[in-house]
PDB file of N, CA and C in Angstrom:
ATOM      1  N   UNK A   1       6.020  20.770  -4.251  1.00  0.00           N
ATOM      2  CA  UNK A   1       5.397  22.598  -4.817  1.00  0.00           C
ATOM      3  C   UNK A   1       6.396  23.012  -3.885  1.00  0.00           C
ATOM      4  N   UNK A   2       6.420  24.297  -4.960  1.00  0.00           N
ATOM      5  CA  UNK A   2       6.677  25.607  -4.065  1.00  0.00           C
ATOM      6  C   UNK A   2       7.024  26.410  -5.282  1.00  0.00           C
ATOM      7  N   UNK A   3       6.788  27.624  -3.979  1.00  0.00           N
ATOM      8  CA  UNK A   3       7.097  29.010  -5.311  1.00  0.00           C
ATOM      9  C   UNK A   3       8.088  29.377  -5.732  1.00  0.00           C
ATOM     10  N   UNK A   4       8.494  30.163  -6.462  1.00  0.00           N
ATOM     11  CA  UNK A   4       9.686  31.083  -6.192  1.00  0.00           C
ATOM     12  C   UNK A   4       9.652  32.067  -7.805  1.00  0.00           C
ATOM     13  N   UNK A   5      10.596  33.608  -7.474  1.00  0.00           N
ATOM     14  CA  UNK A   5      10.005  34.008  -6.191  1.00  0.00           C
ATOM     15  C   UNK A   5       9.061  34.545  -5.538  1.00  0.00           C
ATOM     16  N   UNK A   6       9.582  34.051  -4.202  1.00  0.00           N
ATOM     17  CA  UNK A   6       7.668  34.707  -3.286  1.00  0.00           C
ATOM     18  C   UNK A   6       8.880  35.414  -2.168  1.00  0.00           C
ATOM     19  N   UNK A   7       8.007  37.103  -1.871  1.00  0.00           N
ATOM     20  CA  UNK A   7       7.071  37.295  -2.665  1.00  0.00           C
ATOM     21  C   UNK A   7       8.208  37.846  -3.982  1.00  0.00           C
ATOM     22  N   UNK A   8       6.929  38.531  -4.670  1.00  0.00           N
ATOM     23  CA  UNK A   8       7.275  38.645  -6.601  1.00  0.00           C
ATOM     24  C   UNK A   8       6.537  40.346  -7.076  1.00  0.00           C
ATOM     25  N   UNK A   9       6.880  40.328  -7.771  1.00  0.00           N
ATOM     26  CA  UNK A   9       6.270  41.305  -8.456  1.00  0.00           C
ATOM     27  C   UNK A   9       5.551  41.062  -9.933  1.00  0.00           C
ATOM     28  N   UNK A  10       5.141  39.943 -10.041  1.00  0.00           N
ATOM     29  CA  UNK A  10       4.599  39.205 -10.807  1.00  0.00           C
ATOM     30  C   UNK A  10       4.563  38.139 -11.667  1.00  0.00           C
ATOM     31  N   UNK A  11       5.312  38.129 -12.358  1.00  0.00           N
ATOM     32  CA  UNK A  11       6.285  36.600 -12.746  1.00  0.00           C
ATOM     33  C   UNK A  11       6.285  35.874 -11.424  1.00  0.00           C
ATOM     34  N   UNK A  12       5.779  34.475 -11.848  1.00  0.00           N
ATOM     35  CA  UNK A  12       6.367  33.160 -10.396  1.00  0.00           C
ATOM     36  C   UNK A  12       6.200  31.830 -11.583  1.00  0.00           C
ATOM     37  N   UNK A  13       6.880  31.541 -10.680  1.00  0.00           N
ATOM     38  CA  UNK A  13       7.490  29.453 -10.602  1.00  0.00           C
ATOM     39  C   UNK A  13       6.418  28.504 -10.124  1.00  0.00           C
ATOM     40  N   UNK A  14       5.771  27.860 -10.837  1.00  0.00           N
ATOM     41  CA  UNK A  14       5.048  26.687  -9.603  1.00  0.00           C
ATOM     42  C   UNK A  14       6.388  25.670  -9.676  1.00  0.00           C
ATOM     43  N   UNK A  15       6.620  25.289  -8.549  1.00  0.00           N
ATOM     44  CA  UNK A  15       7.496  23.738  -9.109  1.00  0.00           C
ATOM     45  C   UNK A  15       7.360  22.823  -8.735  1.00  0.00           C
ATOM     46  N   UNK A  16       6.753  21.755  -9.796  1.00  0.00           N
ATOM     47  CA  UNK A  16       5.737  20.251  -9.721  1.00  0.00           C
ATOM     48  C   UNK A  16       6.322  19.462  -9.707  1.00  0.00           C
ATOM     49  N   UNK A  17       6.121  18.301  -8.892  1.00  0.00           N
ATOM     50  CA  UNK A  17       7.392  17.219  -9.323  1.00  0.00           C
ATOM     51  C   UNK A  17       6.112  15.489  -9.299  1.00  0.00           C
ATOM     52  N   UNK A  18       6.264  14.695 -10.173  1.00  0.00           N
ATOM     53  CA  UNK A  18       5.260  14.429  -9.420  1.00  0.00           C
ATOM     54  C   UNK A  18       6.165  12.691 -10.330  1.00  0.00           C
ATOM     55  N   UNK A  19       6.608  11.913  -9.728  1.00  0.00           N
ATOM     56  CA  UNK A  19       6.742  10.201 -10.688  1.00  0.00           C
ATOM     57  C   UNK A  19       6.293   9.736 -11.358  1.00  0.00           C
ATOM     58  N   UNK A  20       5.041  10.031 -10.921  1.00  0.00           N
ATOM     59  CA  UNK A  20       4.525   9.601 -12.328  1.00  0.00           C
ATOM     60  C   UNK A  20       3.486  10.339 -13.927  1.00  0.00           C
ATOM     61  N   UNK A  21       3.531  10.233 -14.722  1.00  0.00           N
ATOM     62  CA  UNK A  21       2.952  11.226 -15.196  1.00  0.00           C
ATOM     63  C   UNK A  21       1.350  11.161 -14.939  1.00  0.00           C
ATOM     64  N   UNK A  22       1.393  12.912 -15.976  1.00  0.00           N
ATOM     65  CA  UNK A  22      -0.294  12.986 -15.009  1.00  0.00           C
ATOM     66  C   UNK A  22      -1.300  13.686 -16.565  1.00  0.00           C
ATOM     67  N   UNK A  23      -2.434  13.560 -15.862  1.00  0.00           N
ATOM     68  CA  UNK A  23      -3.383  13.827 -17.321  1.00  0.00           C
ATOM     69  C   UNK A  23      -3.191  15.299 -17.123  1.00  0.00           C
ATOM     70  N   UNK A  24      -3.400  16.096 -15.336  1.00  0.00           N
ATOM     71  CA  UNK A  24      -3.710  17.246 -15.569  1.00  0.00           C
ATOM     72  C   UNK A  24      -2.909  17.592 -14.326  1.00  0.00           C
ATOM     73  N   UNK A  25      -2.285  18.807 -14.683  1.00  0.00           N
ATOM     74  CA  UNK A  25      -2.263  19.807 -13.375  1.00  0.00           C
ATOM     75  C   UNK A  25      -2.331  21.198 -13.743  1.00  0.00           C
ATOM     76  N   UNK A  26      -3.756  21.974 -12.029  1.00  0.00           N
ATOM     77  CA  UNK A  26      -4.292  22.751 -12.401  1.00  0.00           C
ATOM     78  C   UNK A  26      -3.079  23.429 -11.242  1.00  0.00           C
ATOM     79  N   UNK A  27      -3.712  25.030 -11.674  1.00  0.00           N
ATOM     80  CA  UNK A  27      -2.519  25.851 -10.762  1.00  0.00           C
ATOM     81  C   UNK A  27      -4.270  26.801 -10.224  1.00  0.00           C
ATOM     82  N   UNK A  28      -4.934  27.342  -8.904  1.00  0.00           N
ATOM     83  CA  UNK A  28      -5.448  28.056  -9.202  1.00  0.00           C
ATOM     84  C   UNK A  28      -4.939  28.972  -7.428  1.00  0.00           C
ATOM     85  N   UNK A  29      -4.720  30.581  -8.145  1.00  0.00           N
ATOM     86  CA  UNK A  29      -4.487  31.564  -7.812  1.00  0.00           C
ATOM     87  C   UNK A  29      -6.042  32.284  -6.604  1.00  0.00           C
ATOM     88  N   UNK A  30      -6.047  32.323  -4.976  1.00  0.00           N
ATOM     89  CA  UNK A  30      -7.192  33.152  -4.645  1.00  0.00           C
ATOM     90  C   UNK A  30      -7.047  34.839  -4.063  1.00  0.00           C
ATOM     91  N   UNK A  31      -7.448  34.779  -3.948  1.00  0.00           N
ATOM     92  CA  UNK A  31      -7.022  36.180  -2.788  1.00  0.00           C
ATOM     93  C   UNK A  31      -7.991  36.055  -1.799  1.00  0.00           C
ATOM     94  N   UNK A  32      -7.861  37.131  -0.532  1.00  0.00           N
ATOM     95  CA  UNK A  32      -7.533  36.992   0.063  1.00  0.00           C
ATOM     96  C   UNK A  32      -9.392  36.494   0.756  1.00  0.00           C
ATOM     97  N   UNK A  33     -10.578  37.231  -0.387  1.00  0.00           N
ATOM     98  CA  UNK A  33     -11.681  36.764   0.378  1.00  0.00           C
ATOM     99  C   UNK A  33     -12.340  34.989  -0.166  1.00  0.00           C
ATOM    100  N   UNK A  34     -11.093  34.739  -1.150  1.00  0.00           N
ATOM    101  CA  UNK A  34     -11.589  33.553  -2.101  1.00  0.00           C
ATOM    102  C   UNK A  34     -12.282  33.542  -3.093  1.00  0.00           C
ATOM    103  N   UNK A  35     -11.600  34.144  -3.552  1.00  0.00           N
ATOM    104  CA  UNK A  35     -12.135  34.173  -5.234  1.00  0.00           C
ATOM    105  C   UNK A  35     -10.840  33.689  -6.221  1.00  0.00           C
ATOM    106  N   UNK A  36     -10.776  33.420  -6.887  1.00  0.00           N
ATOM    107  CA  UNK A  36      -9.796  32.470  -7.584  1.00  0.00           C
ATOM    108  C   UNK A  36      -9.662  33.754  -8.997  1.00  0.00           C
ATOM    109  N   UNK A  37      -8.243  34.489  -8.868  1.00  0.00           N
ATOM    110  CA  UNK A  37      -7.811  35.726  -9.473  1.00  0.00           C
ATOM    111  C   UNK A  37      -7.212  35.261 -10.741  1.00  0.00           C
ATOM    112  N   UNK A  38      -6.350  33.844 -10.647  1.00  0.00           N
ATOM    113  CA  UNK A  38      -6.027  33.644 -11.930  1.00  0.00           C
ATOM    114  C   UNK A  38      -5.771  32.367 -11.535  1.00  0.00           C
ATOM    115  N   UNK A  39      -6.172  31.192 -13.202  1.00  0.00           N
ATOM    116  CA  UNK A  39      -6.055  29.873 -13.218  1.00  0.00           C
ATOM    117  C   UNK A  39      -4.442  29.238 -14.389  1.00  0.00           C
ATOM    118  N   UNK A  40      -4.438  27.805 -14.295  1.00  0.00           N
ATOM    119  CA  UNK A  40      -3.861  27.874 -15.036  1.00  0.00           C
ATOM    120  C   UNK A  40      -4.175  26.123 -15.350  1.00  0.00           C
ATOM    121  N   UNK A  41      -4.724  25.365 -16.010  1.00  0.00           N
ATOM    122  CA  UNK A  41      -4.176  23.944 -16.943  1.00  0.00           C
ATOM    123  C   UNK A  41      -3.422  23.871 -17.376  1.00  0.00           C
ATOM    124  N   UNK A  42      -2.501  22.389 -17.153  1.00  0.00           N
ATOM    125  CA  UNK A  42      -1.506  21.378 -17.781  1.00  0.00           C
ATOM    126  C   UNK A  42      -2.205  20.219 -18.029  1.00  0.00           C
ATOM    127  N   UNK A  43      -2.236  20.425 -19.222  1.00  0.00           N
ATOM    128  CA  UNK A  43      -2.257  18.780 -19.988  1.00  0.00           C
ATOM    129  C   UNK A  43      -1.508  17.628 -20.381  1.00  0.00           C
ATOM    130  N   UNK A  44      -1.548  16.601 -19.984  1.00  0.00           N
ATOM    131  CA  UNK A  44      -0.303  15.592 -20.167  1.00  0.00           C
ATOM    132  C   UNK A  44       0.747  16.038 -19.284  1.00  0.00           C
ATOM    133  N   UNK A  45       1.245  16.744 -18.205  1.00  0.00           N
ATOM    134  CA  UNK A  45       2.336  16.184 -17.163  1.00  0.00           C
ATOM    135  C   UNK A  45       3.206  15.592 -17.427  1.00  0.00           C
ATOM    136  N   UNK A  46       4.548  15.719 -17.465  1.00  0.00           N
ATOM    137  CA  UNK A  46       5.455  14.733 -17.809  1.00  0.00           C
ATOM    138  C   UNK A  46       5.670  14.102 -16.196  1.00  0.00           C
ATOM    139  N   UNK A  47       6.427  12.995 -15.939  1.00  0.00           N
ATOM    140  CA  UNK A  47       6.828  12.800 -14.694  1.00  0.00           C
ATOM    141  C   UNK A  47       7.859  13.609 -14.080  1.00  0.00           C
ATOM    142  N   UNK A  48       8.999  13.537 -13.054  1.00  0.00           N
ATOM    143  CA  UNK A  48       9.968  14.433 -12.829  1.00  0.00           C
ATOM    144  C   UNK A  48       9.410  15.551 -12.072  1.00  0.00           C
ATOM    145  N   UNK A  49      10.478  16.975 -12.404  1.00  0.00           N
ATOM    146  CA  UNK A  49      10.099  17.778 -11.910  1.00  0.00           C
ATOM    147  C   UNK A  49       9.465  19.098 -13.702  1.00  0.00           C
ATOM    148  N   UNK A  50       8.701  19.894 -12.735  1.00  0.00           N
ATOM    149  CA  UNK A  50       8.277  20.954 -14.222  1.00  0.00           C
ATOM    150  C   UNK A  50       7.911  22.530 -12.837  1.00  0.00           C
ATOM    151  N   UNK A  51       8.412  23.255 -14.048  1.00  0.00           N
ATOM    152  CA  UNK A  51       7.848  24.961 -13.451  1.00  0.00           C
ATOM    153  C   UNK A  51       7.270  25.486 -14.208  1.00  0.00           C
ATOM    154  N   UNK A  52       6.234  25.599 -13.734  1.00  0.00           N
ATOM    155  CA  UNK A  52       4.809  26.854 -14.259  1.00  0.00           C
ATOM    156  C   UNK A  52       5.333  27.372 -14.462  1.00  0.00           C
ATOM    157  N   UNK A  53       4.900  28.536 -15.685  1.00  0.00           N
ATOM    158  CA  UNK A  53       4.291  30.666 -15.343  1.00  0.00           C
ATOM    159  C   UNK A  53       3.924  30.871 -14.765  1.00  0.00           C
ATOM    160  N   UNK A  54       3.801  31.278 -13.701  1.00  0.00           N
ATOM    161  CA  UNK A  54       2.687  31.649 -13.888  1.00  0.00           C
ATOM    162  C   UNK A  54       2.634  33.844 -14.161  1.00  0.00           C
ATOM    163  N   UNK A  55       1.908  34.321 -14.214  1.00  0.00           N
ATOM    164  CA  UNK A  55       1.987  35.988 -15.152  1.00  0.00           C
ATOM    165  C   UNK A  55       0.513  36.853 -13.469  1.00  0.00           C
ATOM    166  N   UNK A  56       1.171  37.460 -12.315  1.00  0.00           N
ATOM    167  CA  UNK A  56       0.864  37.726 -11.366  1.00  0.00           C
ATOM    168  C   UNK A  56       0.266  40.004 -12.035  1.00  0.00           C
ATOM    169  N   UNK A  57       1.810  39.654 -12.663  1.00  0.00           N
ATOM    170  CA  UNK A  57       1.422  40.964 -12.761  1.00  0.00           C
ATOM    171  C   UNK A  57       0.295  42.142 -13.312  1.00  0.00           C
ATOM    172  N   UNK A  58      -1.306  41.562 -12.769  1.00  0.00           N
ATOM    173  CA  UNK A  58      -2.335  42.527 -13.430  1.00  0.00           C
ATOM    174  C   UNK A  58      -3.023  42.404 -11.859  1.00  0.00           C
ATOM    175  N   UNK A  59      -2.648  41.333 -10.410  1.00  0.00           N
ATOM    176  CA  UNK A  59      -2.736  41.469  -9.515  1.00  0.00           C
ATOM    177  C   UNK A  59      -2.252  42.502  -8.216  1.00  0.00           C
ATOM    178  N   UNK A  60      -2.699  43.060  -7.998  1.00  0.00           N
ATOM    179  CA  UNK A  60      -2.849  43.929  -6.897  1.00  0.00           C
ATOM    180  C   UNK A  60      -1.814  43.374  -5.152  1.00  0.00           C
ATOM    181  N   UNK A  61      -1.038  44.117  -5.231  1.00  0.00           N
ATOM    182  CA  UNK A  61      -0.462  43.625  -3.757  1.00  0.00           C
ATOM    183  C   UNK A  61      -1.241  42.666  -2.795  1.00  0.00           C
ATOM    184  N   UNK A  62      -0.444  42.199  -2.492  1.00  0.00           N
ATOM    185  CA  UNK A  62      -1.308  41.529  -0.992  1.00  0.00           C
ATOM    186  C   UNK A  62      -0.863  40.165  -1.031  1.00  0.00           C
ATOM    187  N   UNK A  63      -1.800  39.206  -0.375  1.00  0.00           N
ATOM    188  CA  UNK A  63      -1.863  37.742  -0.284  1.00  0.00           C
ATOM    189  C   UNK A  63      -2.146  37.014  -0.765  1.00  0.00           C
ATOM    190  N   UNK A  64      -1.917  35.825  -1.370  1.00  0.00           N
ATOM    191  CA  UNK A  64      -3.127  35.242  -2.244  1.00  0.00           C
ATOM    192  C   UNK A  64      -2.189  33.541  -1.676  1.00  0.00           C
ATOM    193  N   UNK A  65      -3.746  33.589  -2.127  1.00  0.00           N
ATOM    194  CA  UNK A  65      -3.516  31.833  -1.627  1.00  0.00           C
ATOM    195  C   UNK A  65      -2.572  30.335  -3.164  1.00  0.00           C
ATOM    196  N   UNK A  66      -2.164  30.234  -3.351  1.00  0.00           N
ATOM    197  CA  UNK A  66      -1.860  29.526  -4.681  1.00  0.00           C
ATOM    198  C   UNK A  66      -2.342  27.710  -3.861  1.00  0.00           C
ATOM    199  N   UNK A  67      -3.739  27.108  -5.248  1.00  0.00           N
ATOM    200  CA  UNK A  67      -3.760  25.743  -4.872  1.00  0.00           C
ATOM    201  C   UNK A  67      -3.293  25.077  -6.263  1.00  0.00           C
ATOM    202  N   UNK A  68      -2.674  23.736  -5.852  1.00  0.00           N
ATOM    203  CA  UNK A  68      -1.879  23.270  -7.675  1.00  0.00           C
ATOM    204  C   UNK A  68      -2.292  21.697  -7.050  1.00  0.00           C
ATOM    205  N   UNK A  69      -3.221  21.000  -7.675  1.00  0.00           N
ATOM    206  CA  UNK A  69      -4.939  19.634  -7.760  1.00  0.00           C
ATOM    207  C   UNK A  69      -3.311  19.101  -8.717  1.00  0.00           C
ATOM    208  N   UNK A  70      -3.195  17.989  -8.444  1.00  0.00           N
ATOM    209  CA  UNK A  70      -2.722  16.911  -9.935  1.00  0.00           C
ATOM    210  C   UNK A  70      -3.061  15.475  -8.943  1.00  0.00           C
ATOM    211  N   UNK A  71      -4.146  15.480  -9.872  1.00  0.00           N
ATOM    212  CA  UNK A  71      -5.063  14.248  -9.534  1.00  0.00           C
ATOM    213  C   UNK A  71      -5.439  13.850  -8.536  1.00  0.00           C
ATOM    214  N   UNK A  72      -5.751  14.034  -7.371  1.00  0.00           N
ATOM    215  CA  UNK A  72      -6.073  13.392  -6.281  1.00  0.00           C
ATOM    216  C   UNK A  72      -5.260  13.797  -4.820  1.00  0.00           C
ATOM    217  N   UNK A  73      -4.109  14.227  -5.302  1.00  0.00           N
ATOM    218  CA  UNK A  73      -2.866  14.851  -4.678  1.00  0.00           C
ATOM    219  C   UNK A  73      -3.785  16.539  -4.377  1.00  0.00           C
ATOM    220  N   UNK A  74      -3.522  17.405  -3.881  1.00  0.00           N
ATOM    221  CA  UNK A  74      -3.717  18.740  -3.698  1.00  0.00           C
ATOM    222  C   UNK A  74      -2.993  18.963  -2.331  1.00  0.00           C
ATOM    223  N   UNK A  75      -2.097  20.626  -2.893  1.00  0.00           N
ATOM    224  CA  UNK A  75      -1.654  20.942  -2.154  1.00  0.00           C
ATOM    225  C   UNK A  75      -1.791  22.900  -2.280  1.00  0.00           C
ATOM    226  N   UNK A  76      -1.475  23.908  -1.358  1.00  0.00           N
ATOM    227  CA  UNK A  76      -1.737  24.640  -0.947  1.00  0.00           C
ATOM    228  C   UNK A  76      -0.357  25.530  -0.506  1.00  0.00           C
ATOM    229  N   UNK A  77       0.087  26.676  -1.366  1.00  0.00           N
ATOM    230  CA  UNK A  77       0.952  27.725  -0.355  1.00  0.00           C
ATOM    231  C   UNK A  77       0.586  28.826  -0.726  1.00  0.00           C
ATOM    232  N   UNK A  78       0.928  29.966   0.210  1.00  0.00           N
ATOM    233  CA  UNK A  78       0.632  31.913   0.317  1.00  0.00           C
ATOM    234  C   UNK A  78       1.688  32.053  -1.068  1.00  0.00           C
ATOM    235  N   UNK A  79       1.522  32.820  -1.429  1.00  0.00           N
ATOM    236  CA  UNK A  79       2.675  33.859  -2.088  1.00  0.00           C
ATOM    237  C   UNK A  79       1.574  34.998  -1.932  1.00  0.00           C
ATOM    238  N   UNK A  80       3.359  36.238  -1.800  1.00  0.00           N
ATOM    239  CA  UNK A  80       2.831  37.754  -1.764  1.00  0.00           C
ATOM    240  C   UNK A  80       3.472  38.452  -3.341  1.00  0.00           C
ATOM    241  N   UNK A  81       2.545  39.616  -3.501  1.00  0.00           N
ATOM    242  CA  UNK A  81       2.710  39.977  -4.484  1.00  0.00           C
ATOM    243  C   UNK A  81       2.809  41.444  -3.776  1.00  0.00           C
ATOM    244  N   UNK A  82       3.901  41.487  -4.715  1.00  0.00           N
ATOM    245  CA  UNK A  82       4.698  43.479  -3.971  1.00  0.00           C
ATOM    246  C   UNK A  82       4.531  44.317  -5.483  1.00  0.00           C
ATOM    247  N   UNK A  83       4.626  45.156  -5.000  1.00  0.00           N
ATOM    248  CA  UNK A  83       5.102  46.131  -6.227  1.00  0.00           C
ATOM    249  C   UNK A  83       5.569  47.381  -5.757  1.00  0.00           C
TER     250      UNK A  83
END
C-alpha cells in the first residue's frame, strides 16, 4: 500500500495491490485523537493494482493515520495534509 501525493492539500490516492480478488477493501482515515474523519469501502475489488481516490479537502491541516483493510490484512500509513 502507498499514498500519494503525501503531503497533500486535499485529494490523494491509496494504491492497493492484491494477488487475488477481494470482496471488500476499506480505507479509514483517523485524526490525531483517533476519530474516523474519512472512510471509504470498495466492494468487489479486483486482483492487481488499483488506485482509490480519496478526498481530504474538508480536513484541516495536520497529521493523519490511514488504515487499509483487505480481508485479514491491515496496513497503516501516515498522511500529512497541508493548506
